[in-house]
């Protein structure tokens, strides 16, 4: 079984490219800084920096909503590979292929960490502003009419 669950913060905005051809597909790459359970002897925290790659709708979701500093949970599988670089040296790679990704904190908490909201695309009509839940639990209601944009059903 090859299953990975990570929780960490994005080290920078996702890098998104589109495959060539008639049926182009979005491919998003981003790195998560995942805190280690135990820090250094001097008490300073340490982290692992883990490369993740998402495809298709997951990649489009990451492009639209993920920003540097945002805390997310990623579920996926480890995939290794290799390629020969321009200098003729063989380079080995290890990435987490994303199967599921979701926010790990509320919008308010991510704002405290300096995460700026994603800019809305110009070509799409803007959705009505979501109303905050009456309980004040930090979650928002999903506006009507955006079901087709959500990466899950």
C-alpha atoms as a PDB file:
ATOM      1  CA  UNK A   1       0.000   0.000   0.000  1.00  0.00           C
ATOM      2  CA  UNK A   2       1.297   3.471  -0.900  1.00  0.00           C
ATOM      3  CA  UNK A   3      -0.631   6.151   1.050  1.00  0.00           C
ATOM      4  CA  UNK A   4       0.611   9.487   2.375  1.00  0.00           C
ATOM      5  CA  UNK A   5      -1.174  12.079   4.519  1.00  0.00           C
ATOM      6  CA  UNK A   6       0.567  15.415   5.065  1.00  0.00           C
ATOM      7  CA  UNK A   7      -0.348  18.650   6.784  1.00  0.00           C
ATOM      8  CA  UNK A   8       1.803  21.686   6.196  1.00  0.00           C
ATOM      9  CA  UNK A   9       2.107  25.164   4.770  1.00  0.00           C
ATOM     10  CA  UNK A  10       2.813  26.048   1.161  1.00  0.00           C
ATOM     11  CA  UNK A  11       6.309  27.472   0.759  1.00  0.00           C
ATOM     12  CA  UNK A  12       5.201  29.518  -2.279  1.00  0.00           C
ATOM     13  CA  UNK A  13       2.259  29.800  -4.676  1.00  0.00           C
ATOM     14  CA  UNK A  14       1.678  26.660  -6.781  1.00  0.00           C
ATOM     15  CA  UNK A  15       3.409  26.521 -10.155  1.00  0.00           C
ATOM     16  CA  UNK A  16       0.832  25.511 -12.767  1.00  0.00           C
ATOM     17  CA  UNK A  17       1.457  24.375 -16.318  1.00  0.00           C
ATOM     18  CA  UNK A  18      -0.811  22.833 -18.915  1.00  0.00           C
ATOM     19  CA  UNK A  19       0.017  19.717 -20.904  1.00  0.00           C
ATOM     20  CA  UNK A  20       0.237  20.013 -24.679  1.00  0.00           C
ATOM     21  CA  UNK A  21      -2.341  18.627 -27.069  1.00  0.00           C
ATOM     22  CA  UNK A  22      -6.054  18.825 -27.689  1.00  0.00           C
ATOM     23  CA  UNK A  23      -7.029  17.624 -24.214  1.00  0.00           C
ATOM     24  CA  UNK A  24      -4.651  19.798 -22.206  1.00  0.00           C
ATOM     25  CA  UNK A  25      -4.589  19.094 -18.488  1.00  0.00           C
ATOM     26  CA  UNK A  26      -3.491  21.353 -15.634  1.00  0.00           C
ATOM     27  CA  UNK A  27      -0.478  20.193 -13.631  1.00  0.00           C
ATOM     28  CA  UNK A  28       0.248  22.010 -10.364  1.00  0.00           C
ATOM     29  CA  UNK A  29       3.451  21.650  -8.383  1.00  0.00           C
ATOM     30  CA  UNK A  30       3.919  22.981  -4.891  1.00  0.00           C
ATOM     31  CA  UNK A  31       6.043  22.326  -1.838  1.00  0.00           C
ATOM     32  CA  UNK A  32       4.710  21.801   1.669  1.00  0.00           C
ATOM     33  CA  UNK A  33       6.723  22.641   4.769  1.00  0.00           C
ATOM     34  CA  UNK A  34       5.709  19.883   7.185  1.00  0.00           C
ATOM     35  CA  UNK A  35       6.775  20.372  10.804  1.00  0.00           C
ATOM     36  CA  UNK A  36       8.696  17.515  12.337  1.00  0.00           C
ATOM     37  CA  UNK A  37       7.329  16.060  15.543  1.00  0.00           C
ATOM     38  CA  UNK A  38      10.511  16.835  17.482  1.00  0.00           C
ATOM     39  CA  UNK A  39      12.647  19.935  17.107  1.00  0.00           C
ATOM     40  CA  UNK A  40      16.336  20.482  17.622  1.00  0.00           C
ATOM     41  CA  UNK A  41      17.969  20.228  21.006  1.00  0.00           C
ATOM     42  CA  UNK A  42      17.865  24.013  21.320  1.00  0.00           C
ATOM     43  CA  UNK A  43      14.053  23.857  20.981  1.00  0.00           C
ATOM     44  CA  UNK A  44      13.930  25.288  17.461  1.00  0.00           C
ATOM     45  CA  UNK A  45      11.316  23.697  15.209  1.00  0.00           C
ATOM     46  CA  UNK A  46      12.380  21.783  12.107  1.00  0.00           C
ATOM     47  CA  UNK A  47      10.456  20.926   8.973  1.00  0.00           C
ATOM     48  CA  UNK A  48      10.622  18.692   5.935  1.00  0.00           C
ATOM     49  CA  UNK A  49       9.964  20.242   2.525  1.00  0.00           C
ATOM     50  CA  UNK A  50       7.914  17.838   0.458  1.00  0.00           C
ATOM     51  CA  UNK A  51       7.151  18.266  -3.227  1.00  0.00           C
ATOM     52  CA  UNK A  52       3.565  17.641  -4.330  1.00  0.00           C
ATOM     53  CA  UNK A  53       2.050  17.401  -7.800  1.00  0.00           C
ATOM     54  CA  UNK A  54      -1.674  17.635  -8.593  1.00  0.00           C
ATOM     55  CA  UNK A  55      -3.377  16.946 -11.912  1.00  0.00           C
ATOM     56  CA  UNK A  56      -6.603  18.051 -13.618  1.00  0.00           C
ATOM     57  CA  UNK A  57      -9.295  19.605 -11.448  1.00  0.00           C
ATOM     58  CA  UNK A  58      -7.140  19.283  -8.339  1.00  0.00           C
ATOM     59  CA  UNK A  59      -4.441  21.319 -10.067  1.00  0.00           C
ATOM     60  CA  UNK A  60      -6.957  23.956 -11.148  1.00  0.00           C
ATOM     61  CA  UNK A  61      -8.272  24.137  -7.572  1.00  0.00           C
ATOM     62  CA  UNK A  62      -4.729  24.610  -6.237  1.00  0.00           C
ATOM     63  CA  UNK A  63      -4.054  27.333  -8.806  1.00  0.00           C
ATOM     64  CA  UNK A  64      -7.201  29.210  -7.849  1.00  0.00           C
ATOM     65  CA  UNK A  65      -7.214  28.895  -4.052  1.00  0.00           C
ATOM     66  CA  UNK A  66      -3.761  27.934  -2.736  1.00  0.00           C
ATOM     67  CA  UNK A  67      -1.282  30.663  -1.780  1.00  0.00           C
ATOM     68  CA  UNK A  68       2.051  30.810   0.016  1.00  0.00           C
ATOM     69  CA  UNK A  69       1.667  30.219   3.749  1.00  0.00           C
ATOM     70  CA  UNK A  70      -1.709  28.488   3.502  1.00  0.00           C
ATOM     71  CA  UNK A  71      -2.052  25.407   5.716  1.00  0.00           C
ATOM     72  CA  UNK A  72      -3.420  22.406   3.823  1.00  0.00           C
ATOM     73  CA  UNK A  73      -3.902  18.662   4.225  1.00  0.00           C
ATOM     74  CA  UNK A  74      -2.836  16.493   1.300  1.00  0.00           C
ATOM     75  CA  UNK A  75      -3.578  12.823   0.766  1.00  0.00           C
ATOM     76  CA  UNK A  76      -1.797  10.975  -1.991  1.00  0.00           C
ATOM     77  CA  UNK A  77       0.888   8.490  -2.908  1.00  0.00           C
ATOM     78  CA  UNK A  78       4.652   8.669  -3.193  1.00  0.00           C
ATOM     79  CA  UNK A  79       6.027   8.390  -6.698  1.00  0.00           C
ATOM     80  CA  UNK A  80       9.697   8.151  -7.583  1.00  0.00           C
ATOM     81  CA  UNK A  81      11.283   8.802 -10.927  1.00  0.00           C
ATOM     82  CA  UNK A  82      14.458   9.894 -12.644  1.00  0.00           C
ATOM     83  CA  UNK A  83      15.651  11.952 -15.579  1.00  0.00           C
ATOM     84  CA  UNK A  84      18.935  13.010 -17.135  1.00  0.00           C
ATOM     85  CA  UNK A  85      19.653  16.722 -16.735  1.00  0.00           C
ATOM     86  CA  UNK A  86      21.390  19.024 -19.229  1.00  0.00           C
ATOM     87  CA  UNK A  87      24.795  18.107 -17.803  1.00  0.00           C
ATOM     88  CA  UNK A  88      24.150  14.425 -18.504  1.00  0.00           C
ATOM     89  CA  UNK A  89      23.728  13.537 -14.828  1.00  0.00           C
ATOM     90  CA  UNK A  90      20.930  11.278 -13.666  1.00  0.00           C
ATOM     91  CA  UNK A  91      18.621  13.026 -11.183  1.00  0.00           C
ATOM     92  CA  UNK A  92      16.281  11.042  -8.932  1.00  0.00           C
ATOM     93  CA  UNK A  93      12.944  12.534  -7.885  1.00  0.00           C
ATOM     94  CA  UNK A  94      10.409  11.808  -5.167  1.00  0.00           C
ATOM     95  CA  UNK A  95       7.003  13.526  -5.194  1.00  0.00           C
ATOM     96  CA  UNK A  96       3.628  13.077  -3.578  1.00  0.00           C
ATOM     97  CA  UNK A  97       0.973  12.639  -6.274  1.00  0.00           C
ATOM     98  CA  UNK A  98      -2.072  14.398  -4.825  1.00  0.00           C
ATOM     99  CA  UNK A  99      -5.292  12.403  -4.628  1.00  0.00           C
ATOM    100  CA  UNK A 100      -7.094  14.781  -2.258  1.00  0.00           C
ATOM    101  CA  UNK A 101      -6.287  18.222  -0.873  1.00  0.00           C
ATOM    102  CA  UNK A 102      -8.174  20.475   1.495  1.00  0.00           C
ATOM    103  CA  UNK A 103      -7.815  23.528   3.678  1.00  0.00           C
ATOM    104  CA  UNK A 104      -6.503  22.849   7.197  1.00  0.00           C
ATOM    105  CA  UNK A 105      -7.517  26.131   8.797  1.00  0.00           C
ATOM    106  CA  UNK A 106     -10.213  28.758   8.594  1.00  0.00           C
ATOM    107  CA  UNK A 107      -9.950  31.770   6.318  1.00  0.00           C
ATOM    108  CA  UNK A 108      -9.462  34.015   9.366  1.00  0.00           C
ATOM    109  CA  UNK A 109      -6.583  31.893  10.676  1.00  0.00           C
ATOM    110  CA  UNK A 110      -4.851  31.878   7.294  1.00  0.00           C
ATOM    111  CA  UNK A 111      -5.164  35.683   7.161  1.00  0.00           C
ATOM    112  CA  UNK A 112      -3.266  35.832  10.462  1.00  0.00           C
ATOM    113  CA  UNK A 113      -0.373  34.065   8.724  1.00  0.00           C
ATOM    114  CA  UNK A 114      -0.300  36.604   5.910  1.00  0.00           C
ATOM    115  CA  UNK A 115      -2.022  34.475   3.274  1.00  0.00           C
ATOM    116  CA  UNK A 116      -3.674  36.729   0.743  1.00  0.00           C
ATOM    117  CA  UNK A 117      -6.939  35.552  -0.848  1.00  0.00           C
ATOM    118  CA  UNK A 118      -6.757  34.340  -4.415  1.00  0.00           C
ATOM    119  CA  UNK A 119      -7.769  36.836  -7.054  1.00  0.00           C
ATOM    120  CA  UNK A 120     -10.997  35.920  -8.785  1.00  0.00           C
ATOM    121  CA  UNK A 121     -10.732  35.183 -12.507  1.00  0.00           C
ATOM    122  CA  UNK A 122     -11.783  38.071 -14.730  1.00  0.00           C
ATOM    123  CA  UNK A 123     -13.554  35.924 -17.317  1.00  0.00           C
ATOM    124  CA  UNK A 124     -16.038  34.380 -14.885  1.00  0.00           C
ATOM    125  CA  UNK A 125     -19.009  36.180 -13.420  1.00  0.00           C
ATOM    126  CA  UNK A 126     -18.449  36.858  -9.755  1.00  0.00           C
ATOM    127  CA  UNK A 127     -20.380  34.743  -7.303  1.00  0.00           C
ATOM    128  CA  UNK A 128     -22.341  36.442  -4.559  1.00  0.00           C
ATOM    129  CA  UNK A 129     -20.301  37.025  -1.416  1.00  0.00           C
ATOM    130  CA  UNK A 130     -20.599  34.058   0.933  1.00  0.00           C
ATOM    131  CA  UNK A 131     -22.310  34.751   4.211  1.00  0.00           C
ATOM    132  CA  UNK A 132     -20.585  33.769   7.422  1.00  0.00           C
ATOM    133  CA  UNK A 133     -22.119  30.964   9.437  1.00  0.00           C
ATOM    134  CA  UNK A 134     -24.320  32.284  12.203  1.00  0.00           C
ATOM    135  CA  UNK A 135     -22.563  30.171  14.821  1.00  0.00           C
ATOM    136  CA  UNK A 136     -19.317  32.097  14.203  1.00  0.00           C
ATOM    137  CA  UNK A 137     -17.380  28.849  13.819  1.00  0.00           C
ATOM    138  CA  UNK A 138     -15.040  30.250  11.148  1.00  0.00           C
ATOM    139  CA  UNK A 139     -16.615  28.288   8.310  1.00  0.00           C
ATOM    140  CA  UNK A 140     -18.522  29.901   5.480  1.00  0.00           C
ATOM    141  CA  UNK A 141     -21.540  28.777   3.523  1.00  0.00           C
ATOM    142  CA  UNK A 142     -20.951  27.740  -0.079  1.00  0.00           C
ATOM    143  CA  UNK A 143     -22.640  30.229  -2.423  1.00  0.00           C
ATOM    144  CA  UNK A 144     -25.286  28.947  -4.834  1.00  0.00           C
ATOM    145  CA  UNK A 145     -24.196  28.192  -8.398  1.00  0.00           C
ATOM    146  CA  UNK A 146     -20.561  27.171  -7.884  1.00  0.00           C
ATOM    147  CA  UNK A 147     -21.102  23.415  -7.508  1.00  0.00           C
ATOM    148  CA  UNK A 148     -19.369  22.736 -10.834  1.00  0.00           C
ATOM    149  CA  UNK A 149     -16.213  24.507  -9.593  1.00  0.00           C
ATOM    150  CA  UNK A 150     -15.806  22.362  -6.498  1.00  0.00           C
ATOM    151  CA  UNK A 151     -13.264  19.521  -6.806  1.00  0.00           C
ATOM    152  CA  UNK A 152     -15.565  17.009  -5.113  1.00  0.00           C
ATOM    153  CA  UNK A 153     -19.112  15.757  -5.530  1.00  0.00           C
END
